Amino acid sequence: MSKFGPTRSELKFRLGFSAAGLVLMAVALALHGVKGIAWLEIVLIAGGFFGGTFVWSAVKLWRGGD
């Protein structure tokens, strides 16, 4: 067990929260759409945050790190 960093249960929460955020973002874009360059900003910022957190949490859980 690591002295620093999130616990395994917190990583699971982050993984679920990130997955939900990605799904909700995809649904919102699919249903409402965004005109112009705004979609790029939404995908880069929100997708980067949720996607990055999802990947980071999944890798930490896969490797068994606490």
PDB file of N, CA and C in Angstrom:
ATOM      1  N   MET A   1       0.838  -1.180   0.000  1.00  0.00           N
ATOM      2  CA  MET A   1       0.000   0.000   0.000  1.00  0.00           C
ATOM      3  C   MET A   1       0.881   1.240   0.000  1.00  0.00           C
ATOM      4  N   SER A   2       0.557   2.173  -0.880  1.00  0.00           N
ATOM      5  CA  SER A   2       1.326   3.392  -1.009  1.00  0.00           C
ATOM      6  C   SER A   2       0.939   4.390   0.072  1.00  0.00           C
ATOM      7  N   LYS A   3       1.930   5.128   0.536  1.00  0.00           N
ATOM      8  CA  LYS A   3       1.663   6.138   1.559  1.00  0.00           C
ATOM      9  C   LYS A   3       0.913   7.326   0.972  1.00  0.00           C
ATOM     10  N   PHE A   4       1.163   7.638  -0.283  1.00  0.00           N
ATOM     11  CA  PHE A   4       0.539   8.773  -0.949  1.00  0.00           C
ATOM     12  C   PHE A   4      -0.321   8.294  -2.102  1.00  0.00           C
ATOM     13  N   GLY A   5      -1.262   9.112  -2.507  1.00  0.00           N
ATOM     14  CA  GLY A   5      -2.093   8.771  -3.654  1.00  0.00           C
ATOM     15  C   GLY A   5      -3.453   8.253  -3.231  1.00  0.00           C
ATOM     16  N   PRO A   6      -4.341   8.118  -4.202  1.00  0.00           N
ATOM     17  CA  PRO A   6      -5.698   7.668  -3.905  1.00  0.00           C
ATOM     18  C   PRO A   6      -5.762   6.184  -3.555  1.00  0.00           C
ATOM     19  N   THR A   7      -6.752   5.846  -2.741  1.00  0.00           N
ATOM     20  CA  THR A   7      -6.967   4.446  -2.392  1.00  0.00           C
ATOM     21  C   THR A   7      -7.643   3.734  -3.559  1.00  0.00           C
ATOM     22  N   ARG A   8      -7.716   2.425  -3.458  1.00  0.00           N
ATOM     23  CA  ARG A   8      -8.338   1.625  -4.513  1.00  0.00           C
ATOM     24  C   ARG A   8      -9.815   1.973  -4.683  1.00  0.00           C
ATOM     25  N   SER A   9     -10.522   2.199  -3.589  1.00  0.00           N
ATOM     26  CA  SER A   9     -11.942   2.553  -3.692  1.00  0.00           C
ATOM     27  C   SER A   9     -12.126   3.932  -4.332  1.00  0.00           C
ATOM     28  N   GLU A  10     -11.211   4.851  -4.058  1.00  0.00           N
ATOM     29  CA  GLU A  10     -11.298   6.169  -4.698  1.00  0.00           C
ATOM     30  C   GLU A  10     -11.010   6.067  -6.198  1.00  0.00           C
ATOM     31  N   LEU A  11     -10.097   5.200  -6.575  1.00  0.00           N
ATOM     32  CA  LEU A  11      -9.822   4.993  -7.995  1.00  0.00           C
ATOM     33  C   LEU A  11     -11.039   4.410  -8.707  1.00  0.00           C
ATOM     34  N   LYS A  12     -11.747   3.500  -8.049  1.00  0.00           N
ATOM     35  CA  LYS A  12     -12.969   2.935  -8.634  1.00  0.00           C
ATOM     36  C   LYS A  12     -14.029   4.022  -8.809  1.00  0.00           C
ATOM     37  N   PHE A  13     -14.164   4.900  -7.812  1.00  0.00           N
ATOM     38  CA  PHE A  13     -15.111   6.007  -7.910  1.00  0.00           C
ATOM     39  C   PHE A  13     -14.744   6.924  -9.070  1.00  0.00           C
ATOM     40  N   ARG A  14     -13.474   7.260  -9.181  1.00  0.00           N
ATOM     41  CA  ARG A  14     -13.025   8.135 -10.274  1.00  0.00           C
ATOM     42  C   ARG A  14     -13.263   7.492 -11.636  1.00  0.00           C
ATOM     43  N   LEU A  15     -13.045   6.195 -11.717  1.00  0.00           N
ATOM     44  CA  LEU A  15     -13.265   5.476 -12.967  1.00  0.00           C
ATOM     45  C   LEU A  15     -14.744   5.531 -13.363  1.00  0.00           C
ATOM     46  N   GLY A  16     -15.624   5.270 -12.409  1.00  0.00           N
ATOM     47  CA  GLY A  16     -17.062   5.319 -12.684  1.00  0.00           C
ATOM     48  C   GLY A  16     -17.548   6.714 -13.012  1.00  0.00           C
ATOM     49  N   PHE A  17     -17.067   7.705 -12.278  1.00  0.00           N
ATOM     50  CA  PHE A  17     -17.455   9.088 -12.509  1.00  0.00           C
ATOM     51  C   PHE A  17     -16.987   9.562 -13.883  1.00  0.00           C
ATOM     52  N   SER A  18     -15.788   9.186 -14.264  1.00  0.00           N
ATOM     53  CA  SER A  18     -15.251   9.564 -15.573  1.00  0.00           C
ATOM     54  C   SER A  18     -16.022   8.898 -16.696  1.00  0.00           C
ATOM     55  N   ALA A  19     -16.357   7.616 -16.516  1.00  0.00           N
ATOM     56  CA  ALA A  19     -17.138   6.912 -17.535  1.00  0.00           C
ATOM     57  C   ALA A  19     -18.505   7.570 -17.698  1.00  0.00           C
ATOM     58  N   ALA A  20     -19.139   7.919 -16.582  1.00  0.00           N
ATOM     59  CA  ALA A  20     -20.443   8.589 -16.646  1.00  0.00           C
ATOM     60  C   ALA A  20     -20.322   9.942 -17.340  1.00  0.00           C
ATOM     61  N   GLY A  21     -19.267  10.680 -17.051  1.00  0.00           N
ATOM     62  CA  GLY A  21     -19.055  11.973 -17.695  1.00  0.00           C
ATOM     63  C   GLY A  21     -18.857  11.848 -19.193  1.00  0.00           C
ATOM     64  N   LEU A  22     -18.103  10.854 -19.614  1.00  0.00           N
ATOM     65  CA  LEU A  22     -17.895  10.633 -21.043  1.00  0.00           C
ATOM     66  C   LEU A  22     -19.190  10.244 -21.746  1.00  0.00           C
ATOM     67  N   VAL A  23     -19.972   9.392 -21.098  1.00  0.00           N
ATOM     68  CA  VAL A  23     -21.245   8.970 -21.689  1.00  0.00           C
ATOM     69  C   VAL A  23     -22.208  10.152 -21.780  1.00  0.00           C
ATOM     70  N   LEU A  24     -22.321  10.923 -20.711  1.00  0.00           N
ATOM     71  CA  LEU A  24     -23.221  12.080 -20.727  1.00  0.00           C
ATOM     72  C   LEU A  24     -22.790  13.115 -21.762  1.00  0.00           C
ATOM     73  N   MET A  25     -21.492  13.325 -21.905  1.00  0.00           N
ATOM     74  CA  MET A  25     -21.002  14.259 -22.910  1.00  0.00           C
ATOM     75  C   MET A  25     -21.333  13.765 -24.317  1.00  0.00           C
ATOM     76  N   ALA A  26     -21.152  12.490 -24.560  1.00  0.00           N
ATOM     77  CA  ALA A  26     -21.457  11.920 -25.875  1.00  0.00           C
ATOM     78  C   ALA A  26     -22.949  12.002 -26.179  1.00  0.00           C
ATOM     79  N   VAL A  27     -23.782  11.722 -25.188  1.00  0.00           N
ATOM     80  CA  VAL A  27     -25.233  11.804 -25.377  1.00  0.00           C
ATOM     81  C   VAL A  27     -25.656  13.242 -25.655  1.00  0.00           C
ATOM     82  N   ALA A  28     -25.120  14.179 -24.902  1.00  0.00           N
ATOM     83  CA  ALA A  28     -25.464  15.587 -25.105  1.00  0.00           C
ATOM     84  C   ALA A  28     -25.056  16.064 -26.490  1.00  0.00           C
ATOM     85  N   LEU A  29     -23.869  15.682 -26.925  1.00  0.00           N
ATOM     86  CA  LEU A  29     -23.423  16.073 -28.261  1.00  0.00           C
ATOM     87  C   LEU A  29     -24.257  15.406 -29.346  1.00  0.00           C
ATOM     88  N   ALA A  30     -24.645  14.155 -29.119  1.00  0.00           N
ATOM     89  CA  ALA A  30     -25.436  13.435 -30.117  1.00  0.00           C
ATOM     90  C   ALA A  30     -26.850  13.999 -30.226  1.00  0.00           C
ATOM     91  N   LEU A  31     -27.445  14.340 -29.100  1.00  0.00           N
ATOM     92  CA  LEU A  31     -28.821  14.825 -29.106  1.00  0.00           C
ATOM     93  C   LEU A  31     -28.949  16.287 -29.519  1.00  0.00           C
ATOM     94  N   HIS A  32     -28.064  17.115 -29.011  1.00  0.00           N
ATOM     95  CA  HIS A  32     -28.188  18.555 -29.229  1.00  0.00           C
ATOM     96  C   HIS A  32     -27.218  19.095 -30.268  1.00  0.00           C
ATOM     97  N   GLY A  33     -26.075  18.485 -30.358  1.00  0.00           N
ATOM     98  CA  GLY A  33     -25.071  18.970 -31.300  1.00  0.00           C
ATOM     99  C   GLY A  33     -24.570  20.344 -30.913  1.00  0.00           C
ATOM    100  N   VAL A  34     -23.504  20.731 -31.510  1.00  0.00           N
ATOM    101  CA  VAL A  34     -22.919  22.049 -31.262  1.00  0.00           C
ATOM    102  C   VAL A  34     -22.454  22.594 -32.597  1.00  0.00           C
ATOM    103  N   LYS A  35     -22.813  23.814 -32.874  1.00  0.00           N
ATOM    104  CA  LYS A  35     -22.419  24.446 -34.136  1.00  0.00           C
ATOM    105  C   LYS A  35     -21.060  25.141 -33.980  1.00  0.00           C
ATOM    106  N   GLY A  36     -20.340  25.190 -35.058  1.00  0.00           N
ATOM    107  CA  GLY A  36     -19.086  25.931 -35.082  1.00  0.00           C
ATOM    108  C   GLY A  36     -17.948  25.217 -34.371  1.00  0.00           C
ATOM    109  N   ILE A  37     -17.041  26.023 -33.884  1.00  0.00           N
ATOM    110  CA  ILE A  37     -15.823  25.507 -33.268  1.00  0.00           C
ATOM    111  C   ILE A  37     -16.033  25.131 -31.805  1.00  0.00           C
ATOM    112  N   ALA A  38     -17.200  25.413 -31.244  1.00  0.00           N
ATOM    113  CA  ALA A  38     -17.456  25.130 -29.829  1.00  0.00           C
ATOM    114  C   ALA A  38     -17.344  23.640 -29.509  1.00  0.00           C
ATOM    115  N   TRP A  39     -17.680  22.777 -30.442  1.00  0.00           N
ATOM    116  CA  TRP A  39     -17.602  21.342 -30.171  1.00  0.00           C
ATOM    117  C   TRP A  39     -16.170  20.921 -29.892  1.00  0.00           C
ATOM    118  N   LEU A  40     -15.227  21.575 -30.568  1.00  0.00           N
ATOM    119  CA  LEU A  40     -13.824  21.245 -30.357  1.00  0.00           C
ATOM    120  C   LEU A  40     -13.402  21.575 -28.929  1.00  0.00           C
ATOM    121  N   GLU A  41     -13.847  22.734 -28.454  1.00  0.00           N
ATOM    122  CA  GLU A  41     -13.522  23.132 -27.088  1.00  0.00           C
ATOM    123  C   GLU A  41     -14.147  22.175 -26.084  1.00  0.00           C
ATOM    124  N   ILE A  42     -15.393  21.801 -26.329  1.00  0.00           N
ATOM    125  CA  ILE A  42     -16.074  20.881 -25.420  1.00  0.00           C
ATOM    126  C   ILE A  42     -15.370  19.528 -25.397  1.00  0.00           C
ATOM    127  N   VAL A  43     -15.055  19.022 -26.560  1.00  0.00           N
ATOM    128  CA  VAL A  43     -14.415  17.714 -26.631  1.00  0.00           C
ATOM    129  C   VAL A  43     -13.002  17.768 -26.043  1.00  0.00           C
ATOM    130  N   LEU A  44     -12.252  18.821 -26.326  1.00  0.00           N
ATOM    131  CA  LEU A  44     -10.884  18.900 -25.806  1.00  0.00           C
ATOM    132  C   LEU A  44     -10.838  19.066 -24.298  1.00  0.00           C
ATOM    133  N   ILE A  45     -11.668  19.938 -23.762  1.00  0.00           N
ATOM    134  CA  ILE A  45     -11.608  20.194 -22.326  1.00  0.00           C
ATOM    135  C   ILE A  45     -12.315  19.099 -21.541  1.00  0.00           C
ATOM    136  N   ALA A  46     -13.594  18.879 -21.826  1.00  0.00           N
ATOM    137  CA  ALA A  46     -14.352  17.871 -21.082  1.00  0.00           C
ATOM    138  C   ALA A  46     -13.858  16.465 -21.410  1.00  0.00           C
ATOM    139  N   GLY A  47     -13.658  16.196 -22.686  1.00  0.00           N
ATOM    140  CA  GLY A  47     -13.164  14.876 -23.076  1.00  0.00           C
ATOM    141  C   GLY A  47     -11.772  14.611 -22.555  1.00  0.00           C
ATOM    142  N   GLY A  48     -10.939  15.635 -22.562  1.00  0.00           N
ATOM    143  CA  GLY A  48      -9.590  15.480 -22.014  1.00  0.00           C
ATOM    144  C   GLY A  48      -9.589  15.203 -20.527  1.00  0.00           C
ATOM    145  N   PHE A  49     -10.452  15.915 -19.803  1.00  0.00           N
ATOM    146  CA  PHE A  49     -10.533  15.707 -18.359  1.00  0.00           C
ATOM    147  C   PHE A  49     -11.082  14.321 -18.033  1.00  0.00           C
ATOM    148  N   PHE A  50     -12.273  14.023 -18.564  1.00  0.00           N
ATOM    149  CA  PHE A  50     -12.896  12.734 -18.251  1.00  0.00           C
ATOM    150  C   PHE A  50     -12.112  11.574 -18.847  1.00  0.00           C
ATOM    151  N   GLY A  51     -11.636  11.732 -20.069  1.00  0.00           N
ATOM    152  CA  GLY A  51     -10.862  10.662 -20.699  1.00  0.00           C
ATOM    153  C   GLY A  51      -9.539  10.419 -20.002  1.00  0.00           C
ATOM    154  N   GLY A  52      -8.855  11.490 -19.659  1.00  0.00           N
ATOM    155  CA  GLY A  52      -7.579  11.349 -18.956  1.00  0.00           C
ATOM    156  C   GLY A  52      -7.735  10.718 -17.588  1.00  0.00           C
ATOM    157  N   THR A  53      -8.763  11.150 -16.861  1.00  0.00           N
ATOM    158  CA  THR A  53      -9.019  10.573 -15.543  1.00  0.00           C
ATOM    159  C   THR A  53      -9.410   9.105 -15.655  1.00  0.00           C
ATOM    160  N   PHE A  54     -10.202   8.778 -16.680  1.00  0.00           N
ATOM    161  CA  PHE A  54     -10.612   7.393 -16.894  1.00  0.00           C
ATOM    162  C   PHE A  54      -9.398   6.511 -17.159  1.00  0.00           C
ATOM    163  N   VAL A  55      -8.542   6.938 -18.078  1.00  0.00           N
ATOM    164  CA  VAL A  55      -7.365   6.141 -18.437  1.00  0.00           C
ATOM    165  C   VAL A  55      -6.414   6.017 -17.255  1.00  0.00           C
ATOM    166  N   TRP A  56      -6.161   7.127 -16.554  1.00  0.00           N
ATOM    167  CA  TRP A  56      -5.239   7.113 -15.419  1.00  0.00           C
ATOM    168  C   TRP A  56      -5.741   6.171 -14.323  1.00  0.00           C
ATOM    169  N   SER A  57      -7.034   6.260 -14.007  1.00  0.00           N
ATOM    170  CA  SER A  57      -7.612   5.399 -12.969  1.00  0.00           C
ATOM    171  C   SER A  57      -7.589   3.938 -13.386  1.00  0.00           C
ATOM    172  N   ALA A  58      -7.926   3.668 -14.649  1.00  0.00           N
ATOM    173  CA  ALA A  58      -7.921   2.286 -15.138  1.00  0.00           C
ATOM    174  C   ALA A  58      -6.521   1.687 -15.084  1.00  0.00           C
ATOM    175  N   VAL A  59      -5.526   2.459 -15.458  1.00  0.00           N
ATOM    176  CA  VAL A  59      -4.143   1.958 -15.431  1.00  0.00           C
ATOM    177  C   VAL A  59      -3.704   1.687 -13.999  1.00  0.00           C
ATOM    178  N   LYS A  60      -4.016   2.603 -13.086  1.00  0.00           N
ATOM    179  CA  LYS A  60      -3.641   2.401 -11.677  1.00  0.00           C
ATOM    180  C   LYS A  60      -4.331   1.176 -11.094  1.00  0.00           C
ATOM    181  N   LEU A  61      -5.616   0.975 -11.433  1.00  0.00           N
ATOM    182  CA  LEU A  61      -6.328  -0.202 -10.937  1.00  0.00           C
ATOM    183  C   LEU A  61      -5.776  -1.475 -11.563  1.00  0.00           C
ATOM    184  N   TRP A  62      -5.466  -1.438 -12.838  1.00  0.00           N
ATOM    185  CA  TRP A  62      -4.950  -2.613 -13.549  1.00  0.00           C
ATOM    186  C   TRP A  62      -3.622  -3.063 -12.966  1.00  0.00           C
ATOM    187  N   ARG A  63      -2.776  -2.090 -12.657  1.00  0.00           N
ATOM    188  CA  ARG A  63      -1.456  -2.409 -12.097  1.00  0.00           C
ATOM    189  C   ARG A  63      -1.538  -2.775 -10.616  1.00  0.00           C
ATOM    190  N   GLY A  64      -2.691  -2.544  -9.998  1.00  0.00           N
ATOM    191  CA  GLY A  64      -2.865  -2.913  -8.600  1.00  0.00           C
ATOM    192  C   GLY A  64      -2.310  -1.888  -7.633  1.00  0.00           C
ATOM    193  N   GLY A  65      -2.079  -0.681  -8.117  1.00  0.00           N
ATOM    194  CA  GLY A  65      -1.554   0.350  -7.240  1.00  0.00           C
ATOM    195  C   GLY A  65      -2.620   0.953  -6.363  1.00  0.00           C
ATOM    196  N   ASP A  66      -2.259   1.308  -5.174  1.00  0.00           N
ATOM    197  CA  ASP A  66      -3.166   2.008  -4.254  1.00  0.00           C
ATOM    198  C   ASP A  66      -2.857   3.472  -4.223  1.00  0.00           C
TER     199      ASP A  66
END
